[in-house]
Protein backbone atom coordinates (compact mmCIF):
# COMPACT_ATOMS: atom_id res chain seq x y z
CA UNK A 1 -23.70 32.69 9.49
CA UNK A 2 -25.28 29.09 9.51
CA UNK A 3 -27.14 28.03 6.30
CA UNK A 4 -30.22 27.49 8.40
CA UNK A 5 -30.34 31.04 9.30
CA UNK A 6 -30.66 32.18 5.69
CA UNK A 7 -34.25 33.70 5.57
CA UNK A 8 -34.59 34.42 2.09
CA UNK A 9 -34.40 31.65 -0.46
CA UNK A 10 -34.99 32.47 -4.04
CA UNK A 11 -34.61 30.17 -7.09
CA UNK A 12 -34.80 31.17 -10.64
CA UNK A 13 -35.26 28.68 -13.47
CA UNK A 14 -34.81 29.70 -17.11
CA UNK A 15 -36.65 27.54 -19.58
CA UNK A 16 -34.87 26.48 -22.72
CA UNK A 17 -35.25 28.56 -26.00
CA UNK A 18 -38.44 27.57 -27.75
CA UNK A 19 -36.52 27.77 -31.25
CA UNK A 20 -34.59 29.88 -33.47
CA UNK A 21 -36.14 33.45 -33.17
CA UNK A 22 -38.70 32.36 -30.65
CA UNK A 23 -39.22 33.80 -27.13
CA UNK A 24 -37.90 32.20 -24.04
CA UNK A 25 -39.48 32.40 -20.54
CA UNK A 26 -38.22 32.27 -17.21
CA UNK A 27 -39.93 31.76 -13.67
CA UNK A 28 -38.69 33.19 -10.47
CA UNK A 29 -39.83 31.46 -7.29
CA UNK A 30 -39.56 33.80 -4.06
CA UNK A 31 -39.55 32.94 -0.53
CA UNK A 32 -43.07 33.55 0.02
CA UNK A 33 -44.16 30.94 -2.54
CA UNK A 34 -45.10 33.39 -5.20
CA UNK A 35 -43.92 33.13 -8.72
CA UNK A 36 -42.90 35.74 -11.32
CA UNK A 37 -42.87 35.52 -14.94
CA UNK A 38 -41.09 37.49 -17.66
CA UNK A 39 -43.83 39.87 -19.21
CA UNK A 40 -41.56 41.05 -21.97
CA UNK A 41 -40.76 38.84 -25.10
CA UNK A 42 -37.21 38.81 -26.06
CA UNK A 43 -36.54 37.25 -29.37
CA UNK A 44 -33.40 35.54 -30.62
CA UNK A 45 -30.01 37.08 -30.21
CA UNK A 46 -31.42 40.52 -29.55
CA UNK A 47 -33.07 39.40 -26.22
CA UNK A 48 -29.70 37.97 -25.07
CA UNK A 49 -27.76 40.86 -26.23
CA UNK A 50 -29.69 43.64 -24.61
CA UNK A 51 -31.77 41.59 -21.98
CA UNK A 52 -35.07 42.97 -20.59
CA UNK A 53 -36.31 44.86 -17.63
CA UNK A 54 -37.59 41.80 -15.80
CA UNK A 55 -34.03 40.01 -15.68
CA UNK A 56 -32.29 43.38 -14.81
CA UNK A 57 -34.56 43.70 -11.91
CA UNK A 58 -33.95 40.13 -10.93
CA UNK A 59 -30.19 40.58 -11.02
CA UNK A 60 -30.54 43.73 -8.71
CA UNK A 61 -32.53 41.77 -6.28
CA UNK A 62 -30.20 38.76 -6.31
CA UNK A 63 -26.96 40.67 -5.39
CA UNK A 64 -25.48 38.19 -3.03
CA UNK A 65 -24.82 39.45 0.56
CA UNK A 66 -21.73 38.85 2.51
CA UNK A 67 -23.43 35.71 3.95
CA UNK A 68 -24.54 34.50 0.49
CA UNK A 69 -20.93 35.05 -0.90
CA UNK A 70 -19.90 32.41 1.64
CA UNK A 71 -22.73 30.16 1.08
CA UNK A 72 -23.23 28.29 -2.32
CA UNK A 73 -26.91 28.86 -2.14
CA UNK A 74 -29.55 28.63 -4.93
CA UNK A 75 -29.58 32.38 -5.16
CA UNK A 76 -25.98 32.41 -6.60
CA UNK A 77 -26.97 29.55 -8.80
CA UNK A 78 -30.04 31.18 -10.20
CA UNK A 79 -28.06 34.38 -10.81
CA UNK A 80 -25.65 32.49 -12.72
CA UNK A 81 -28.30 30.85 -14.93
CA UNK A 82 -29.56 34.48 -15.80
CA UNK A 83 -26.11 35.78 -16.68
CA UNK A 84 -25.48 32.66 -18.84
CA UNK A 85 -28.88 33.10 -20.41
CA UNK A 86 -28.26 36.82 -21.34
CA UNK A 87 -24.80 36.13 -22.75
CA UNK A 88 -24.84 35.73 -26.44
CA UNK A 89 -23.65 32.27 -27.64
CA UNK A 90 -19.93 32.08 -28.45
CA UNK A 91 -19.22 31.54 -32.10
CA UNK A 92 -16.78 28.72 -33.11
CA UNK A 93 -13.41 29.56 -33.86
CA UNK A 94 -12.84 31.43 -37.09
CA UNK A 95 -10.27 29.06 -38.62
CA UNK A 96 -12.51 26.04 -38.27
CA UNK A 97 -14.70 27.59 -41.28
CA UNK A 98 -11.74 27.50 -43.56
CA UNK A 99 -10.56 23.98 -44.11
CA UNK A 100 -7.31 24.49 -46.04
CA UNK A 101 -5.80 27.01 -43.74
CA UNK A 102 -6.36 25.31 -40.21
CA UNK A 103 -2.56 25.52 -39.60
CA UNK A 104 -1.92 28.96 -40.59
CA UNK A 105 -4.75 30.97 -38.91
CA UNK A 106 -2.38 32.93 -36.54
CA UNK A 107 0.41 35.71 -36.73
CA UNK A 108 2.03 36.68 -40.05
CA UNK A 109 0.27 33.79 -41.98
CA UNK A 110 -3.11 35.11 -40.95
CA UNK A 111 -2.33 38.43 -42.54
CA UNK A 112 -1.06 36.84 -45.67
CA UNK A 113 -4.03 34.39 -46.01
CA UNK A 114 -7.15 36.61 -45.52
CA UNK A 115 -10.56 35.04 -45.43
CA UNK A 116 -11.33 37.05 -48.65
CA UNK A 117 -9.18 34.79 -50.69
CA UNK A 118 -9.52 31.50 -48.65
CA UNK A 119 -11.88 29.37 -50.23
CA UNK A 120 -14.22 28.41 -47.25
CA UNK A 121 -15.21 24.79 -46.66
CA UNK A 122 -18.87 25.80 -46.86
CA UNK A 123 -18.61 26.70 -50.53
CA UNK A 124 -16.14 24.29 -51.51
CA UNK A 125 -18.15 21.35 -50.45
CA UNK A 126 -21.16 22.57 -52.67
CA UNK A 127 -18.71 22.75 -55.59
CA UNK A 128 -17.30 19.29 -54.99
CA UNK A 129 -20.99 17.97 -54.71
CA UNK A 130 -21.60 19.78 -58.17
CA UNK A 131 -18.50 18.29 -59.55
CA UNK A 132 -19.28 14.82 -58.57
CA UNK A 133 -22.85 15.09 -59.99
CA UNK A 134 -21.47 16.32 -63.20
CA UNK A 135 -18.82 13.50 -63.39
CA UNK A 136 -21.38 10.92 -62.64
CA UNK A 137 -23.73 12.13 -65.39
CA UNK A 138 -20.70 12.27 -67.82
CA UNK A 139 -19.85 8.70 -66.96
CA UNK A 140 -23.32 7.65 -67.63
CA UNK A 141 -23.52 9.33 -71.02
CA UNK A 142 -20.07 7.83 -71.83
CA UNK A 143 -21.31 4.36 -71.37
CA UNK A 144 -24.58 4.98 -73.15
CA UNK A 145 -23.71 6.75 -76.26
CA UNK A 146 -19.98 6.06 -76.52
CA UNK A 147 -16.71 8.29 -76.47
CA UNK A 148 -17.26 9.47 -79.83
CA UNK A 149 -20.05 12.02 -78.71
CA UNK A 150 -19.07 12.79 -75.05
CA UNK A 151 -15.48 11.64 -74.86
CA UNK A 152 -12.37 13.83 -74.21
CA UNK A 153 -11.73 16.10 -77.37
CA UNK A 154 -15.43 16.33 -78.29
CA UNK A 155 -17.47 19.58 -78.39
CA UNK A 156 -19.77 18.39 -75.49
CA UNK A 157 -16.95 17.41 -73.20
CA UNK A 158 -15.34 20.74 -73.96
CA UNK A 159 -18.62 22.58 -73.18
CA UNK A 160 -18.98 20.60 -69.86
CA UNK A 161 -15.60 21.37 -68.68
CA UNK A 162 -16.06 25.11 -69.40
CA UNK A 163 -19.44 25.14 -67.45
CA UNK A 164 -17.86 23.60 -64.38
CA UNK A 165 -15.00 26.12 -64.43
CA UNK A 166 -17.44 28.92 -65.20
CA UNK A 167 -19.81 27.64 -62.31
CA UNK A 168 -16.81 27.84 -59.84
CA UNK A 169 -15.40 31.10 -61.00
CA UNK A 170 -18.87 32.84 -61.02
CA UNK A 171 -19.86 31.91 -57.45
CA UNK A 172 -16.41 32.36 -55.97
CA UNK A 173 -16.76 35.90 -57.41
CA UNK A 174 -20.09 36.36 -56.02
CA UNK A 175 -19.43 35.13 -52.35
CA UNK A 176 -15.89 36.78 -52.10
CA UNK A 177 -16.14 39.93 -54.29
CA UNK A 178 -19.90 40.66 -54.21
CA UNK A 179 -20.30 40.52 -57.86
CA UNK A 180 -22.99 38.80 -59.80
CA UNK A 181 -22.08 35.29 -60.87
CA UNK A 182 -22.98 35.97 -64.37
CA UNK A 183 -19.80 38.13 -64.64
CA UNK A 184 -17.38 35.40 -63.71
CA UNK A 185 -19.24 32.75 -65.85
CA UNK A 186 -19.25 35.13 -68.85
CA UNK A 187 -15.60 35.94 -68.44
CA UNK A 188 -14.40 32.37 -68.26
CA UNK A 189 -16.46 31.56 -71.46
CA UNK A 190 -15.10 34.61 -73.34
CA UNK A 191 -11.43 33.83 -72.53
CA UNK A 192 -12.02 30.18 -73.65
CA UNK A 193 -13.44 31.28 -76.94
CA UNK A 194 -11.06 34.12 -77.74
CA UNK A 195 -7.86 33.41 -75.91
CA UNK A 196 -5.73 30.82 -77.90
CA UNK A 197 -4.66 28.89 -74.85
CA UNK A 198 -6.06 25.53 -75.88
CA UNK A 199 -7.98 23.70 -78.83
CA UNK A 200 -11.36 25.29 -79.03
CA UNK A 201 -13.70 22.35 -79.60
CA UNK A 202 -16.73 24.68 -79.57
CA UNK A 203 -16.05 25.67 -83.40
CA UNK A 204 -17.62 22.23 -84.09
CA UNK A 205 -20.90 22.80 -82.33
CA UNK A 206 -23.89 23.19 -84.48
CA UNK A 207 -25.18 26.70 -84.27
CA UNK A 208 -28.56 25.81 -84.80
CA UNK A 209 -28.41 23.49 -81.58
CA UNK A 210 -26.96 26.47 -79.63
CA UNK A 211 -29.87 28.68 -80.74
CA UNK A 212 -32.41 25.99 -79.55
CA UNK A 213 -30.91 25.73 -76.32
CA UNK A 214 -30.73 29.49 -75.78
CA UNK A 215 -34.44 29.71 -76.72
CA UNK A 216 -35.34 27.04 -74.43
CA UNK A 217 -33.68 28.33 -71.51
CA UNK A 218 -35.26 31.88 -72.28
CA UNK A 219 -38.63 30.08 -72.04
CA UNK A 220 -37.78 28.70 -68.43
CA UNK A 221 -36.56 32.19 -67.43
CA UNK A 222 -39.39 33.98 -68.62
CA UNK A 223 -41.60 31.40 -66.67
CA UNK A 224 -39.45 32.09 -63.57
CA UNK A 225 -39.94 35.91 -63.93
CA UNK A 226 -43.65 35.38 -64.42
CA UNK A 227 -43.98 33.77 -60.96
CA UNK A 228 -42.83 37.19 -59.35
CA UNK A 229 -45.53 39.12 -61.24
CA UNK A 230 -47.74 39.54 -58.08
CA UNK A 231 -50.90 41.30 -58.17
CA UNK A 232 -50.54 42.90 -54.89
CA UNK A 233 -47.35 44.60 -56.20
CA UNK A 234 -49.07 45.79 -59.20
CA UNK A 235 -51.82 47.14 -57.21
CA UNK A 236 -49.57 49.30 -55.08
CA UNK A 237 -47.31 50.40 -57.92
CA UNK A 238 -49.29 49.83 -61.02
CA UNK A 239 -48.74 53.10 -62.68
CA UNK A 240 -44.96 53.03 -61.92
CA UNK A 241 -44.71 49.52 -63.26
CA UNK A 242 -46.56 50.24 -66.55
CA UNK A 243 -44.49 53.47 -67.13
CA UNK A 244 -41.32 51.96 -66.11
CA UNK A 245 -41.89 49.04 -68.48
CA UNK A 246 -43.29 50.87 -71.54
CA UNK A 247 -41.57 54.33 -71.71
CA UNK A 248 -37.82 53.49 -71.51
CA UNK A 249 -37.91 50.63 -73.74
CA UNK A 250 -39.83 52.08 -76.57
CA UNK A 251 -37.98 55.54 -76.47
CA UNK A 252 -34.53 53.74 -76.26
CA UNK A 253 -35.68 51.38 -79.22
CA UNK A 254 -36.80 54.18 -81.38
CA UNK A 255 -33.60 56.22 -80.71
CA UNK A 256 -31.44 53.00 -81.52
CA UNK A 257 -33.36 52.43 -84.77
CA UNK A 258 -32.75 56.05 -85.93
CA UNK A 259 -28.97 55.68 -85.10
CA UNK A 260 -28.84 52.20 -86.90
CA UNK A 261 -30.64 53.79 -89.92
CA UNK A 262 -28.11 56.43 -90.24
CA UNK A 263 -24.84 54.61 -89.25
CA UNK A 264 -25.65 51.33 -91.15
CA UNK A 265 -27.06 50.77 -94.60
CA UNK A 266 -29.92 48.48 -93.61
CA UNK A 267 -33.66 48.80 -94.49
CA UNK A 268 -36.11 50.76 -92.18
CA UNK A 269 -37.87 47.52 -91.07
CA UNK A 270 -34.54 45.94 -90.14
CA UNK A 271 -33.50 49.01 -88.32
CA UNK A 272 -36.78 48.94 -86.33
CA UNK A 273 -36.19 45.38 -85.54
CA UNK A 274 -32.70 45.80 -84.31
CA UNK A 275 -33.73 48.72 -82.24
CA UNK A 276 -36.59 46.90 -80.33
CA UNK A 277 -34.19 44.00 -80.12
CA UNK A 278 -31.81 46.24 -77.87
CA UNK A 279 -34.84 47.77 -76.03
CA UNK A 280 -35.53 45.10 -73.54
CA UNK A 281 -34.17 44.45 -70.24
CA UNK A 282 -32.96 41.09 -68.51
CA UNK A 283 -34.64 40.36 -65.11
CA UNK A 284 -32.12 37.54 -64.44
CA UNK A 285 -29.11 39.97 -64.22
CA UNK A 286 -31.35 42.52 -62.57
CA UNK A 287 -32.27 40.26 -59.62
CA UNK A 288 -28.66 38.79 -59.04
CA UNK A 289 -27.27 42.31 -58.82
CA UNK A 290 -30.14 43.31 -56.07
CA UNK A 291 -29.73 40.06 -54.32
CA UNK A 292 -25.91 40.33 -54.15
CA UNK A 293 -26.52 43.99 -52.49
CA UNK A 294 -29.12 42.57 -50.18
CA UNK A 295 -26.58 40.11 -48.96
CA UNK A 296 -24.56 43.03 -47.68
CA UNK A 297 -27.72 44.83 -46.17
CA UNK A 298 -28.44 47.35 -48.95
CA UNK A 299 -31.97 47.88 -50.17
CA UNK A 300 -33.63 45.02 -48.19
CA UNK A 301 -36.63 46.99 -47.03
CA UNK A 302 -37.10 49.26 -50.14
CA UNK A 303 -39.29 47.09 -52.41
CA UNK A 304 -37.37 47.97 -55.32
CA UNK A 305 -36.68 44.22 -56.45
CA UNK A 306 -40.42 43.66 -56.58
CA UNK A 307 -40.96 46.58 -58.75
CA UNK A 308 -38.18 45.98 -61.11
CA UNK A 309 -39.03 42.49 -61.48
CA UNK A 310 -42.67 43.42 -62.59
CA UNK A 311 -41.50 46.03 -64.84
CA UNK A 312 -38.98 43.58 -66.45
CA UNK A 313 -41.44 41.03 -66.99
CA UNK A 314 -43.95 43.50 -68.67
CA UNK A 315 -40.97 45.01 -70.58
CA UNK A 316 -40.17 41.58 -72.12
CA UNK A 317 -43.92 41.13 -73.10
CA UNK A 318 -44.07 44.46 -74.81
CA UNK A 319 -40.67 43.87 -76.65
CA UNK A 320 -41.90 40.35 -77.68
CA UNK A 321 -45.15 41.64 -79.21
CA UNK A 322 -43.56 44.41 -81.26
CA UNK A 323 -40.89 42.24 -82.38
CA UNK A 324 -43.11 39.74 -83.57
CA UNK A 325 -45.11 42.40 -85.42
CA UNK A 326 -42.11 43.56 -87.19
CA UNK A 327 -41.01 40.26 -88.17
CA UNK A 328 -44.34 39.43 -89.73
CA UNK A 329 -44.23 42.73 -91.65
CA UNK A 330 -40.88 41.60 -93.19
CA UNK A 331 -42.18 38.18 -94.03
CA UNK A 332 -45.24 39.62 -95.91
CA UNK A 333 -45.48 41.38 -99.15
CA UNK A 334 -46.79 44.85 -99.65
CA UNK A 335 -50.44 43.90 -100.33
CA UNK A 336 -50.54 41.50 -97.48
CA UNK A 337 -48.91 43.94 -94.70
CA UNK A 338 -52.16 45.06 -93.98
CA UNK A 339 -52.98 41.77 -92.56
CA UNK A 340 -50.23 41.78 -89.95
CA UNK A 341 -52.09 43.53 -87.23
CA UNK A 342 -54.88 41.15 -87.58
CA UNK A 343 -52.53 38.15 -87.44
CA UNK A 344 -50.55 39.57 -84.38
CA UNK A 345 -53.87 40.45 -82.54
CA UNK A 346 -55.05 36.80 -83.21
CA UNK A 347 -51.69 35.41 -81.95
CA UNK A 348 -51.59 37.39 -78.95
CA UNK A 349 -55.43 36.60 -77.97
CA UNK A 350 -54.76 32.88 -78.52
CA UNK A 351 -51.43 32.82 -76.46
CA UNK A 352 -52.97 34.69 -73.63
CA UNK A 353 -56.14 32.86 -73.47
CA UNK A 354 -54.19 29.39 -73.69
CA UNK A 355 -51.88 30.59 -70.86
CA UNK A 356 -54.81 31.70 -68.65
CA UNK A 357 -56.57 28.15 -69.08
CA UNK A 358 -53.26 26.28 -68.40
CA UNK A 359 -52.52 28.39 -65.43
CA UNK A 360 -56.07 27.83 -63.98
CA UNK A 361 -55.54 24.23 -64.55
CA UNK A 362 -52.30 24.03 -62.79
CA UNK A 363 -53.41 26.26 -59.91
CA UNK A 364 -56.34 24.03 -59.20
CA UNK A 365 -55.67 20.61 -60.31
CA UNK A 366 -53.08 19.18 -57.51
CA UNK A 367 -54.75 19.46 -54.24
CA UNK A 368 -52.99 21.92 -52.27
CA UNK A 369 -52.94 19.50 -49.24
CA UNK A 370 -51.45 16.60 -50.99
CA UNK A 371 -48.04 15.43 -50.03
CA UNK A 372 -46.66 15.88 -53.29
CA UNK A 373 -48.37 19.07 -54.33
CA UNK A 374 -45.12 20.98 -54.97
CA UNK A 375 -43.65 18.17 -57.17
CA UNK A 376 -46.91 17.89 -59.19
CA UNK A 377 -47.09 21.78 -59.80
CA UNK A 378 -43.46 21.90 -60.57
CA UNK A 379 -43.60 19.07 -63.07
CA UNK A 380 -46.70 20.43 -64.69
CA UNK A 381 -45.57 24.01 -65.13
CA UNK A 382 -42.02 22.95 -66.55
CA UNK A 383 -43.16 20.04 -68.89
CA UNK A 384 -46.17 22.09 -70.24
CA UNK A 385 -43.84 25.20 -70.90
CA UNK A 386 -41.25 22.82 -72.62
CA UNK A 387 -43.99 21.27 -74.68
CA UNK A 388 -45.45 24.50 -75.55
CA UNK A 389 -42.10 25.98 -76.56
CA UNK A 390 -41.13 22.65 -78.61
CA UNK A 391 -44.58 22.66 -80.50
CA UNK A 392 -44.33 26.35 -81.31
CA UNK A 393 -40.81 26.05 -82.58
CA UNK A 394 -41.82 23.46 -85.24
CA UNK A 395 -44.11 26.01 -86.75
CA UNK A 396 -41.97 29.23 -86.30
CA UNK A 397 -44.03 30.65 -83.28
CA UNK A 398 -41.46 31.03 -80.79
CA UNK A 399 -42.91 34.54 -79.58
CA UNK A 400 -46.18 32.81 -79.19
CA UNK A 401 -44.70 30.20 -76.82
CA UNK A 402 -43.10 33.01 -74.76
CA UNK A 403 -46.38 34.76 -74.45
CA UNK A 404 -48.28 31.70 -73.54
CA UNK A 405 -45.81 30.58 -70.82
CA UNK A 406 -45.26 33.87 -69.08
CA UNK A 407 -49.15 34.24 -69.01
CA UNK A 408 -49.49 30.81 -67.44
CA UNK A 409 -47.11 31.59 -64.62
CA UNK A 410 -48.64 35.00 -64.03
CA UNK A 411 -52.30 33.65 -63.98
CA UNK A 412 -51.45 30.93 -61.88
CA UNK A 413 -49.82 33.02 -59.05
CA UNK A 414 -52.60 35.56 -58.99
CA UNK A 415 -55.23 32.83 -58.95
CA UNK A 416 -53.71 31.63 -55.69
CA UNK A 417 -53.47 35.14 -54.39
CA UNK A 418 -57.34 35.41 -55.13
CA UNK A 419 -58.03 32.17 -53.31
CA UNK A 420 -55.86 33.47 -50.42
CA UNK A 421 -53.13 30.85 -51.29
CA UNK A 422 -50.54 33.34 -51.94
CA UNK A 423 -48.11 31.36 -49.63
CA UNK A 424 -48.26 28.41 -52.12
CA UNK A 425 -46.32 30.45 -54.48
CA UNK A 426 -43.06 30.85 -52.38
CA UNK A 427 -42.10 27.01 -52.59
CA UNK A 428 -42.61 26.84 -56.55
CA UNK A 429 -40.54 30.04 -56.79
CA UNK A 430 -37.62 28.36 -54.95
CA UNK A 431 -37.88 25.24 -57.01
CA UNK A 432 -37.60 27.34 -60.23
CA UNK A 433 -34.68 29.12 -58.52
CA UNK A 434 -33.00 25.85 -57.91
CA UNK A 435 -33.67 24.78 -61.56
CA UNK A 436 -32.12 28.17 -62.72
CA UNK A 437 -29.24 27.66 -60.50
CA UNK A 438 -27.98 24.83 -62.93
CA UNK A 439 -29.24 26.24 -66.16
CA UNK A 440 -27.75 29.55 -65.48
CA UNK A 441 -24.07 28.54 -66.21
CA UNK A 442 -24.90 26.58 -69.38
CA UNK A 443 -26.92 29.59 -70.68
CA UNK A 444 -24.14 32.08 -69.92
CA UNK A 445 -21.46 29.73 -71.31
CA UNK A 446 -23.49 29.29 -74.42
CA UNK A 447 -23.70 32.97 -74.73
CA UNK A 448 -20.03 33.45 -74.23
CA UNK A 449 -18.77 30.67 -76.74
CA UNK A 450 -20.94 32.17 -79.28
CA UNK A 451 -18.91 35.61 -79.29
CA UNK A 452 -15.76 35.55 -81.55
CA UNK A 453 -14.08 38.86 -81.35
CA UNK A 454 -11.71 38.00 -84.27
CA UNK A 455 -14.72 37.88 -86.77
CA UNK A 456 -15.94 41.38 -85.62
CA UNK A 457 -15.04 44.18 -87.84
CA UNK A 458 -13.59 47.12 -85.93
CA UNK A 459 -15.68 49.75 -87.76
CA UNK A 460 -19.00 47.75 -86.69
CA UNK A 461 -17.67 47.60 -83.15
CA UNK A 462 -17.21 51.21 -82.45
CA UNK A 463 -20.38 52.05 -84.05
CA UNK A 464 -22.43 49.59 -81.91
CA UNK A 465 -20.57 50.88 -78.86
CA UNK A 466 -21.51 54.38 -79.47
CA UNK A 467 -25.17 53.46 -80.32
CA UNK A 468 -25.28 51.33 -77.02
CA UNK A 469 -23.99 54.11 -74.65
CA UNK A 470 -25.98 57.11 -76.27
CA UNK A 471 -28.95 54.64 -76.01
CA UNK A 472 -28.27 54.28 -72.20
CA UNK A 473 -28.11 58.20 -72.07
CA UNK A 474 -31.76 58.22 -73.35
CA UNK A 475 -33.01 55.53 -71.14
CA UNK A 476 -31.47 56.71 -67.79
CA UNK A 477 -33.51 59.99 -67.53
CA UNK A 478 -36.68 58.37 -68.86
CA UNK A 479 -36.57 55.65 -66.19
CA UNK A 480 -36.04 58.29 -63.57
CA UNK A 481 -39.31 60.27 -64.69
CA UNK A 482 -41.06 57.07 -65.03
CA UNK A 483 -40.49 56.20 -61.32
CA UNK A 484 -41.76 59.45 -60.05
CA UNK A 485 -45.19 57.89 -59.02
CA UNK A 486 -43.42 55.21 -56.88
CA UNK A 487 -43.06 57.57 -53.75
CA UNK A 488 -39.44 56.52 -53.34
CA UNK A 489 -36.68 58.84 -52.42
CA UNK A 490 -34.38 60.21 -55.22
CA UNK A 491 -31.39 58.12 -54.60
CA UNK A 492 -33.35 54.91 -54.74
CA UNK A 493 -34.88 56.11 -57.96
CA UNK A 494 -31.46 56.92 -59.34
CA UNK A 495 -30.49 53.27 -58.48
CA UNK A 496 -33.41 52.12 -60.26
CA UNK A 497 -32.56 53.93 -63.40
CA UNK A 498 -29.01 52.57 -63.22
CA UNK A 499 -29.98 49.05 -62.75
CA UNK A 500 -32.67 49.02 -65.55
CA UNK A 501 -29.75 49.06 -68.07
CA UNK A 502 -29.39 45.33 -67.88
CA UNK A 503 -29.45 43.24 -71.03
CA UNK A 504 -29.11 39.49 -71.64
CA UNK A 505 -31.30 36.55 -72.36
CA UNK A 506 -34.06 38.56 -74.34
CA UNK A 507 -31.46 39.74 -76.73
CA UNK A 508 -29.86 36.30 -77.27
CA UNK A 509 -33.24 34.55 -77.77
CA UNK A 510 -34.60 37.22 -80.21
CA UNK A 511 -31.26 37.62 -81.94
CA UNK A 512 -31.25 33.91 -82.78
CA UNK A 513 -34.65 34.16 -84.45
CA UNK A 514 -33.46 37.24 -86.61
CA UNK A 515 -30.28 35.27 -87.64
CA UNK A 516 -32.26 32.29 -88.62
CA UNK A 517 -34.43 34.52 -91.16
CA UNK A 518 -31.05 35.68 -92.78
CA UNK A 519 -29.80 32.72 -94.84
CA UNK A 520 -26.85 34.19 -96.72
CA UNK A 521 -23.77 35.56 -95.34
CA UNK A 522 -24.23 39.57 -95.69
CA UNK A 523 -23.28 42.70 -93.97
CA UNK A 524 -26.63 42.70 -92.24
CA UNK A 525 -26.02 39.34 -90.70
CA UNK A 526 -22.54 40.61 -89.37
CA UNK A 527 -24.11 43.77 -87.93
CA UNK A 528 -27.04 41.96 -86.13
CA UNK A 529 -24.51 39.24 -84.72
CA UNK A 530 -22.06 41.97 -83.64
CA UNK A 531 -24.82 43.91 -82.17
CA UNK A 532 -26.35 41.15 -80.07
CA UNK A 533 -23.06 39.87 -78.88
CA UNK A 534 -21.83 43.34 -77.71
CA UNK A 535 -24.89 44.54 -76.18
CA UNK A 536 -25.22 41.42 -73.99
CA UNK A 537 -21.44 41.49 -73.01
CA UNK A 538 -21.11 45.20 -72.27
CA UNK A 539 -24.49 45.42 -70.83
CA UNK A 540 -23.48 42.65 -68.26
CA UNK A 541 -20.40 44.28 -67.23
CA UNK A 542 -21.68 47.68 -66.97
CA UNK A 543 -24.75 46.77 -64.90
CA UNK A 544 -22.72 44.48 -62.56
CA UNK A 545 -19.90 46.92 -61.88
CA UNK A 546 -22.39 50.06 -61.57
CA UNK A 547 -24.69 48.16 -59.16
CA UNK A 548 -21.65 47.11 -56.99
CA UNK A 549 -20.22 50.49 -56.72
CA UNK A 550 -23.31 52.71 -56.72
CA UNK A 551 -25.57 50.44 -54.74
CA UNK A 552 -24.08 51.26 -51.43
CA UNK A 553 -24.03 55.02 -52.21
CA UNK A 554 -27.70 55.10 -53.14
CA UNK A 555 -29.40 52.41 -51.19
CA UNK A 556 -29.94 52.58 -47.38
CA UNK A 557 -28.43 49.93 -45.40
CA UNK A 558 -30.54 47.85 -42.90
CA UNK A 559 -29.50 48.21 -39.19
């Protein structure tokens, strides 16, 4: 049949996609001059995989006849365009993602070199970038202060090397084994400190400097946690957050204090102080475990992370206030002990009011439409928090600094929500996450190199482990009962109770304050140092492994 005798002429023109996750449109021009457009919105890859009724009907109408098969008309070209649009994009070959294994991604070699253990170039380039930055910083310090301070063989050089290795191992375990990076970083620091594989230069570090660094990093961490204390979450789950923050920590602390009083020969106030030192949770490890599970698709739509982060922040505030009260009671004599409640109340009121005022200033002072609003807010928040911490440290008011900084972050975020600027908090949270990305390995290495197993007494270690695990047996059912008002399924409440075991920065920061008060070497100092070290280390491993293996069993997976 001649081409001129083809009566029906239909052209289909598919418009390009509007962007990632956006809708695409297509127009169909029929022989009668009318045009039809797709009435269904197909988003991203889902639309390409499943198609829609409009394109299915077009394909049904455009089945080429015998004449059309012999004629390369616009009908066949339009049909090919639709089929090409409906076909999902072909991903690049898998071996292109693995730079070191390009020649061996086939046959027997592919089975021997699996992607799980092949370090992907996507992560290797980031590690190389971090290494180059650290080397550049080290060279600048070497040329500035000289090789006697940061040269090879000095304590600072040893700490920097351990931090780099811990960073690589921690994030490699995160990407390939789905474990929190804290686990790998802490393992590297513990091996370096306790295995005699090389000269340990960290013995020459000043312990007061380590304690100051831990306290400063805890201030940054509690500011980051305060940014997630959203008023909307508190309105929806307020009773659950309060019960989860108060009941488990108080009951576990009282139980631990009772056991410490029975197993160790310590005064009552010291037993209570040690008990409340153990009672707090670590929002950092908690968030890392939940983010690791979310990357696998577990618990992404449950809202558990928001509840636990808010509960963890409020838990830390409660522990800090009670700990400060007990420390003030030990510093005062019997006749002045009645003044402790007034002093603590005055300190809390001044810290909270100062934090609210500073949060209001940071929330309103930079113009939100300014080009550098994010940079100004980030600089104001981090510099003000650092100055408050350093000023309070001079007068032994570290706990007041913690309360003031966390109040500043919480009040600032909720001021933005009240002014309907709640989207302004997201970039600031991301900026603090990036800052903590570099502070995290330094903090973890500082914790690991402070733990010397050879100096611990076996009797003290066994007693501390017994107290720790029996304390978890008390915390677990109390947390499960406290989450009853969250209207979550029983499996999710079980996971919340398991993940609420995390210990870390709070114990390290407050433990340093307790050890500063004990000047002489005594059994009490040895008990407190051993307790803090073991609680942090064992708590990190227990929470990381339990969340990895219990999370897929207790949390729903997104489709």
